[in-house]
């Protein structure tokens, strides 16, 4: 398995906890961010291989809207996949 972290971006702490627990039990390293601003900081530190993004974040932001802005978050580091 490739090394790296799965980043969960979810403003619902209960949902983030469940996602994290499931992924860690499967052997993955996981980080959690509760906002896109926090996610940017985690991504900029490096090591993120996959982002699990909430469809509706608080503040009116949507997951797909943030995916389309991936190059402003981490140019050349993220790819959107269906």
C-alpha atoms as a PDB file:
ATOM      1  CA  UNK A   1       0.000   0.000   0.000  1.00  0.00           C
ATOM      2  CA  UNK A   2       1.244   3.502  -0.810  1.00  0.00           C
ATOM      3  CA  UNK A   3       2.042   5.691   2.151  1.00  0.00           C
ATOM      4  CA  UNK A   4       0.132   8.866   2.760  1.00  0.00           C
ATOM      5  CA  UNK A   5      -2.773  10.254   4.657  1.00  0.00           C
ATOM      6  CA  UNK A   6      -6.477  10.272   3.895  1.00  0.00           C
ATOM      7  CA  UNK A   7      -7.861  13.694   4.782  1.00  0.00           C
ATOM      8  CA  UNK A   8     -11.487  13.809   5.911  1.00  0.00           C
ATOM      9  CA  UNK A   9     -13.071  17.270   5.566  1.00  0.00           C
ATOM     10  CA  UNK A  10     -16.353  17.297   7.459  1.00  0.00           C
ATOM     11  CA  UNK A  11     -17.906  19.870   9.780  1.00  0.00           C
ATOM     12  CA  UNK A  12     -19.943  17.186  11.562  1.00  0.00           C
ATOM     13  CA  UNK A  13     -17.629  15.815  14.284  1.00  0.00           C
ATOM     14  CA  UNK A  14     -19.684  12.650  14.773  1.00  0.00           C
ATOM     15  CA  UNK A  15     -19.544  11.781  11.077  1.00  0.00           C
ATOM     16  CA  UNK A  16     -15.827  12.585  10.894  1.00  0.00           C
ATOM     17  CA  UNK A  17     -15.206  10.315  13.902  1.00  0.00           C
ATOM     18  CA  UNK A  18     -17.078   7.406  12.283  1.00  0.00           C
ATOM     19  CA  UNK A  19     -15.245   7.845   8.977  1.00  0.00           C
ATOM     20  CA  UNK A  20     -11.893   8.084  10.730  1.00  0.00           C
ATOM     21  CA  UNK A  21     -12.517   5.013  12.876  1.00  0.00           C
ATOM     22  CA  UNK A  22     -13.547   2.919   9.852  1.00  0.00           C
ATOM     23  CA  UNK A  23     -10.514   3.941   7.815  1.00  0.00           C
ATOM     24  CA  UNK A  24      -8.053   3.498  10.678  1.00  0.00           C
ATOM     25  CA  UNK A  25      -9.434   0.018  11.376  1.00  0.00           C
ATOM     26  CA  UNK A  26      -8.741  -0.773   7.718  1.00  0.00           C
ATOM     27  CA  UNK A  27      -5.115   0.288   8.251  1.00  0.00           C
ATOM     28  CA  UNK A  28      -5.115   3.807   6.805  1.00  0.00           C
ATOM     29  CA  UNK A  29      -3.532   6.918   8.293  1.00  0.00           C
ATOM     30  CA  UNK A  30      -6.213   9.596   8.658  1.00  0.00           C
ATOM     31  CA  UNK A  31      -6.350  13.335   9.396  1.00  0.00           C
ATOM     32  CA  UNK A  32      -9.509  15.343   9.987  1.00  0.00           C
ATOM     33  CA  UNK A  33     -10.272  18.956   9.078  1.00  0.00           C
ATOM     34  CA  UNK A  34     -13.554  20.630  10.004  1.00  0.00           C
ATOM     35  CA  UNK A  35     -13.334  23.408   7.385  1.00  0.00           C
ATOM     36  CA  UNK A  36     -11.771  24.098   4.009  1.00  0.00           C
ATOM     37  CA  UNK A  37      -9.372  26.568   5.661  1.00  0.00           C
ATOM     38  CA  UNK A  38      -8.157  23.845   8.020  1.00  0.00           C
ATOM     39  CA  UNK A  39      -7.955  21.395   5.096  1.00  0.00           C
ATOM     40  CA  UNK A  40      -5.727  23.821   3.173  1.00  0.00           C
ATOM     41  CA  UNK A  41      -3.290  23.940   6.104  1.00  0.00           C
ATOM     42  CA  UNK A  42      -3.159  20.136   6.289  1.00  0.00           C
ATOM     43  CA  UNK A  43      -2.660  19.815   2.513  1.00  0.00           C
ATOM     44  CA  UNK A  44       0.104  22.424   2.491  1.00  0.00           C
ATOM     45  CA  UNK A  45       2.063  20.367   5.068  1.00  0.00           C
ATOM     46  CA  UNK A  46       2.101  17.541   2.513  1.00  0.00           C
ATOM     47  CA  UNK A  47       1.470  13.817   2.673  1.00  0.00           C
ATOM     48  CA  UNK A  48      -2.230  13.862   1.747  1.00  0.00           C
ATOM     49  CA  UNK A  49      -3.018  11.190  -0.852  1.00  0.00           C
ATOM     50  CA  UNK A  50      -6.820  11.281  -0.795  1.00  0.00           C
ATOM     51  CA  UNK A  51      -9.467  13.762   0.342  1.00  0.00           C
ATOM     52  CA  UNK A  52     -12.914  12.672   1.534  1.00  0.00           C
ATOM     53  CA  UNK A  53     -14.942  15.868   1.293  1.00  0.00           C
ATOM     54  CA  UNK A  54     -18.359  16.579   2.792  1.00  0.00           C
ATOM     55  CA  UNK A  55     -20.927  17.523   0.130  1.00  0.00           C
ATOM     56  CA  UNK A  56     -22.330  20.396   2.208  1.00  0.00           C
ATOM     57  CA  UNK A  57     -20.004  22.234   4.535  1.00  0.00           C
ATOM     58  CA  UNK A  58     -21.262  24.989   6.813  1.00  0.00           C
ATOM     59  CA  UNK A  59     -20.896  28.508   5.477  1.00  0.00           C
ATOM     60  CA  UNK A  60     -22.609  27.674   2.190  1.00  0.00           C
ATOM     61  CA  UNK A  61     -19.615  25.875   0.687  1.00  0.00           C
ATOM     62  CA  UNK A  62     -20.203  22.642  -1.168  1.00  0.00           C
ATOM     63  CA  UNK A  63     -17.782  19.779  -1.606  1.00  0.00           C
ATOM     64  CA  UNK A  64     -17.896  19.818  -5.423  1.00  0.00           C
ATOM     65  CA  UNK A  65     -17.332  23.592  -5.413  1.00  0.00           C
ATOM     66  CA  UNK A  66     -14.183  23.107  -3.380  1.00  0.00           C
ATOM     67  CA  UNK A  67     -12.978  20.251  -5.574  1.00  0.00           C
ATOM     68  CA  UNK A  68     -13.164  22.554  -8.586  1.00  0.00           C
ATOM     69  CA  UNK A  69     -10.922  24.978  -6.648  1.00  0.00           C
ATOM     70  CA  UNK A  70      -8.306  22.316  -5.906  1.00  0.00           C
ATOM     71  CA  UNK A  71      -5.537  24.156  -7.753  1.00  0.00           C
ATOM     72  CA  UNK A  72      -5.941  27.153  -5.455  1.00  0.00           C
ATOM     73  CA  UNK A  73      -5.655  24.838  -2.455  1.00  0.00           C
ATOM     74  CA  UNK A  74      -2.590  22.864  -3.560  1.00  0.00           C
ATOM     75  CA  UNK A  75      -1.468  23.494  -7.140  1.00  0.00           C
ATOM     76  CA  UNK A  76      -0.491  20.296  -8.882  1.00  0.00           C
ATOM     77  CA  UNK A  77      -1.033  18.133  -5.793  1.00  0.00           C
ATOM     78  CA  UNK A  78      -4.735  17.233  -6.024  1.00  0.00           C
ATOM     79  CA  UNK A  79      -6.830  15.580  -8.694  1.00  0.00           C
ATOM     80  CA  UNK A  80     -10.599  15.390  -8.716  1.00  0.00           C
ATOM     81  CA  UNK A  81     -11.904  11.918  -9.475  1.00  0.00           C
ATOM     82  CA  UNK A  82     -15.527  10.866  -9.871  1.00  0.00           C
END
